Amino acid sequence: MGKGPAERGSGTAGAMPEVWSGQPAGGGGMVLQGHGTRSRQVRGPAQPGQQAQVRVVQVRRYRCLACGGTCTVVPWEVTWRRLYSVAAMAWALALWGLLGMGLEAVRRLVNPWNHTGASEAGRWRTPLRWLQAVHQGQLLAQVHAMRPWPPHWRPRQAAAHVASVVAGYAPPAAPSPPLSVLAFMGAARAQ
């Protein structure tokens, strides 16, 4: 299941949400209180074409005083159960689906690690998992909700479709960058 609004942050990787305690307007039963921070890894390049890296961001946790549940507020680029930034995932799907690059070449651009295990040599299954998550509405939920793809499409066709839809969420720019760069830029809005 995707993240709810309380789990999606609106800040950047360096900005930390305020700690607050309060009850929602309307007198609901949830009362949130700051519950510390934790580290979260984010993989991928900061911009298309830059060197891929592993960044560690601090995310804020909150605890509901009514039920004891916790929620985490993360920057826009961090998504549920994924180590790569959402922009890096969209860019990788664009490079593979739209530009026709092989998955191994895409991996070298998006993955910060040069060494892979023997069982992964020559293949990269992670983009296929991303496509499955998009199809299930767990990643880039706007894409499948608004523009699902036919079930008979091959994975590369689906990747091109996802990247094209995500590129449509990019803010306007003049001159217009390549579609793969627009996919990177539109990922924040397509969640």
Protein backbone atom coordinates (compact mmCIF):
# COMPACT_ATOMS: atom_id res chain seq x y z
CA MET A 1 0.00 0.00 0.00
CA GLY A 2 1.23 3.53 -0.75
CA LYS A 3 2.05 6.20 1.75
CA GLY A 4 -0.62 8.43 3.14
CA PRO A 5 -0.34 12.22 3.23
CA ALA A 6 1.20 12.15 6.71
CA GLU A 7 4.04 10.02 5.41
CA ARG A 8 4.92 12.13 2.36
CA GLY A 9 7.02 15.14 3.17
CA SER A 10 7.04 18.32 1.20
CA GLY A 11 10.54 19.45 2.08
CA THR A 12 13.89 18.67 0.61
CA ALA A 13 16.41 16.14 1.82
CA GLY A 14 18.11 18.75 4.01
CA ALA A 15 14.96 20.21 5.57
CA MET A 16 13.58 18.65 8.73
CA PRO A 17 9.87 18.94 9.55
CA GLU A 18 8.97 20.76 12.75
CA VAL A 19 8.20 18.76 15.87
CA TRP A 20 4.71 19.58 17.00
CA SER A 21 1.98 18.16 19.12
CA GLY A 22 -1.62 18.82 18.46
CA GLN A 23 -5.05 17.58 17.57
CA PRO A 24 -6.51 17.95 14.09
CA ALA A 25 -9.22 20.53 13.51
CA GLY A 26 -12.62 18.91 13.94
CA GLY A 27 -11.66 17.12 17.17
CA GLY A 28 -10.56 13.80 15.67
CA GLY A 29 -9.09 11.15 17.91
CA MET A 30 -5.52 11.36 16.61
CA VAL A 31 -2.97 13.37 18.56
CA LEU A 32 0.52 13.41 17.06
CA GLN A 33 3.68 14.06 18.99
CA GLY A 34 7.26 14.25 17.77
CA HIS A 35 8.85 10.82 18.22
CA GLY A 36 12.45 11.40 17.15
CA THR A 37 14.30 10.93 13.91
CA ARG A 38 15.86 8.07 12.01
CA SER A 39 18.25 7.78 9.11
CA ARG A 40 17.08 6.73 5.68
CA GLN A 41 19.22 5.82 2.69
CA VAL A 42 18.47 7.30 -0.75
CA ARG A 43 20.27 5.97 -3.82
CA GLY A 44 20.67 7.44 -7.27
CA PRO A 45 21.94 10.64 -8.88
CA ALA A 46 20.82 14.03 -7.56
CA GLN A 47 20.28 15.20 -11.17
CA PRO A 48 20.12 13.33 -14.49
CA GLY A 49 23.62 12.61 -15.76
CA GLN A 50 25.32 13.20 -12.41
CA GLN A 51 27.25 10.51 -10.57
CA ALA A 52 24.96 8.13 -8.64
CA GLN A 53 25.47 8.27 -4.90
CA VAL A 54 24.15 7.00 -1.60
CA ARG A 55 22.80 9.83 0.51
CA VAL A 56 21.56 9.52 4.07
CA VAL A 57 18.65 11.74 5.06
CA GLN A 58 17.17 12.24 8.50
CA VAL A 59 13.43 11.67 8.62
CA ARG A 60 11.06 12.74 11.36
CA ARG A 61 8.85 10.25 13.18
CA TYR A 62 5.58 11.02 14.92
CA ARG A 63 3.59 8.95 17.41
CA CYS A 64 -0.17 9.04 17.90
CA LEU A 65 -0.91 9.44 21.59
CA ALA A 66 -4.38 7.94 21.11
CA CYS A 67 -3.44 4.62 19.47
CA GLY A 68 0.37 4.41 19.82
CA GLY A 69 0.91 4.10 16.06
CA THR A 70 3.79 5.90 14.37
CA CYS A 71 4.20 7.63 11.03
CA THR A 72 7.26 8.97 9.29
CA VAL A 73 7.55 12.19 7.30
CA VAL A 74 10.04 11.96 4.46
CA PRO A 75 11.28 14.26 1.68
CA TRP A 76 9.48 13.99 -1.67
CA GLU A 77 12.25 11.91 -3.20
CA VAL A 78 11.92 9.10 -0.67
CA THR A 79 9.23 6.51 -1.24
CA TRP A 80 7.87 3.59 0.71
CA ARG A 81 9.96 0.40 0.71
CA ARG A 82 12.39 1.62 -1.96
CA LEU A 83 16.08 2.48 -1.60
CA TYR A 84 16.31 4.54 -4.81
CA SER A 85 14.90 8.05 -5.07
CA VAL A 86 11.64 8.25 -6.97
CA ALA A 87 13.34 10.53 -9.52
CA ALA A 88 16.14 7.99 -10.07
CA MET A 89 13.56 5.24 -10.60
CA ALA A 90 11.63 7.32 -13.15
CA TRP A 91 14.87 8.24 -14.95
CA ALA A 92 15.99 4.59 -15.06
CA LEU A 93 12.65 3.53 -16.56
CA ALA A 94 12.96 6.35 -19.12
CA LEU A 95 16.50 5.35 -20.11
CA TRP A 96 15.44 1.73 -20.52
CA GLY A 97 11.99 2.22 -22.02
CA LEU A 98 12.30 5.42 -24.05
CA LEU A 99 15.96 5.50 -25.03
CA GLY A 100 16.32 1.72 -25.45
CA MET A 101 19.39 1.40 -23.23
CA GLY A 102 20.15 -2.02 -21.81
CA LEU A 103 19.43 -2.58 -18.14
CA GLU A 104 23.11 -3.11 -17.35
CA ALA A 105 23.97 0.29 -18.86
CA VAL A 106 21.09 1.91 -16.97
CA ARG A 107 22.30 0.28 -13.78
CA ARG A 108 25.75 1.84 -14.20
CA LEU A 109 24.12 5.29 -14.39
CA VAL A 110 21.65 4.90 -11.52
CA ASN A 111 23.29 2.48 -9.09
CA PRO A 112 26.01 4.02 -6.91
CA TRP A 113 27.87 0.74 -6.56
CA ASN A 114 30.21 -0.51 -9.26
CA HIS A 115 30.46 -4.06 -7.93
CA THR A 116 27.56 -6.51 -8.20
CA GLY A 117 27.31 -10.07 -6.99
CA ALA A 118 27.92 -13.02 -9.28
CA SER A 119 24.20 -13.86 -9.43
CA GLU A 120 23.38 -10.35 -10.69
CA ALA A 121 26.10 -10.07 -13.32
CA GLY A 122 24.63 -8.97 -16.64
CA ARG A 123 21.10 -8.43 -15.35
CA TRP A 124 19.17 -6.03 -13.16
CA ARG A 125 15.73 -7.08 -11.99
CA THR A 126 14.97 -4.03 -9.85
CA PRO A 127 13.28 -1.99 -12.64
CA LEU A 128 10.92 -4.93 -13.20
CA ARG A 129 9.98 -4.74 -9.53
CA TRP A 130 9.39 -1.01 -9.91
CA LEU A 131 7.03 -1.65 -12.83
CA GLN A 132 5.13 -4.19 -10.78
CA ALA A 133 4.83 -1.68 -7.92
CA VAL A 134 3.52 0.98 -10.34
CA HIS A 135 1.01 -1.52 -11.72
CA GLN A 136 -0.17 -2.29 -8.18
CA GLY A 137 -0.44 1.40 -7.25
CA GLN A 138 2.40 1.22 -4.70
CA LEU A 139 4.78 3.47 -6.63
CA LEU A 140 3.97 6.53 -8.74
CA ALA A 141 0.32 5.94 -7.96
CA GLN A 142 -0.87 8.70 -10.30
CA VAL A 143 0.50 6.81 -13.30
CA HIS A 144 -1.50 3.63 -12.98
CA ALA A 145 -4.58 5.35 -11.59
CA MET A 146 -4.78 7.80 -14.49
CA ARG A 147 -3.13 5.90 -17.35
CA PRO A 148 -2.93 2.11 -16.85
CA TRP A 149 -1.25 0.08 -19.56
CA PRO A 150 -2.65 -3.06 -21.24
CA PRO A 151 -1.63 -6.33 -19.56
CA HIS A 152 -0.16 -7.76 -22.79
CA TRP A 153 2.56 -5.07 -22.99
CA ARG A 154 6.13 -6.19 -22.55
CA PRO A 155 8.10 -4.65 -19.63
CA ARG A 156 10.08 -2.25 -21.85
CA GLN A 157 6.82 -0.92 -23.36
CA ALA A 158 5.39 -0.46 -19.87
CA ALA A 159 8.57 1.34 -18.76
CA ALA A 160 8.32 3.72 -21.73
CA HIS A 161 4.67 4.37 -20.88
CA VAL A 162 5.41 5.04 -17.21
CA ALA A 163 8.28 7.38 -18.09
CA SER A 164 6.16 9.28 -20.62
CA VAL A 165 3.33 9.77 -18.14
CA VAL A 166 5.71 10.86 -15.38
CA ALA A 167 7.41 13.29 -17.79
CA GLY A 168 4.03 14.96 -18.23
CA TYR A 169 4.14 15.97 -14.56
CA ALA A 170 7.40 17.91 -14.99
CA PRO A 171 7.22 21.68 -14.63
CA PRO A 172 7.46 23.58 -17.92
CA ALA A 173 10.95 24.49 -19.01
CA ALA A 174 12.34 26.37 -21.99
CA PRO A 175 14.04 24.97 -23.94
CA SER A 176 12.39 21.64 -23.23
CA PRO A 177 14.86 19.01 -22.01
CA PRO A 178 14.84 15.42 -23.31
CA LEU A 179 11.91 13.23 -22.26
CA SER A 180 14.14 11.14 -19.97
CA VAL A 181 15.14 14.29 -18.04
CA LEU A 182 11.49 15.36 -17.86
CA ALA A 183 10.69 11.98 -16.31
CA PHE A 184 13.30 12.65 -13.63
CA MET A 185 11.85 16.11 -12.99
CA GLY A 186 8.21 14.99 -13.01
CA ALA A 187 8.63 12.16 -10.53
CA ALA A 188 7.94 14.34 -7.48
CA ARG A 189 4.53 15.34 -8.78
CA ALA A 190 3.54 11.90 -10.02
CA GLN A 191 3.53 10.27 -6.59
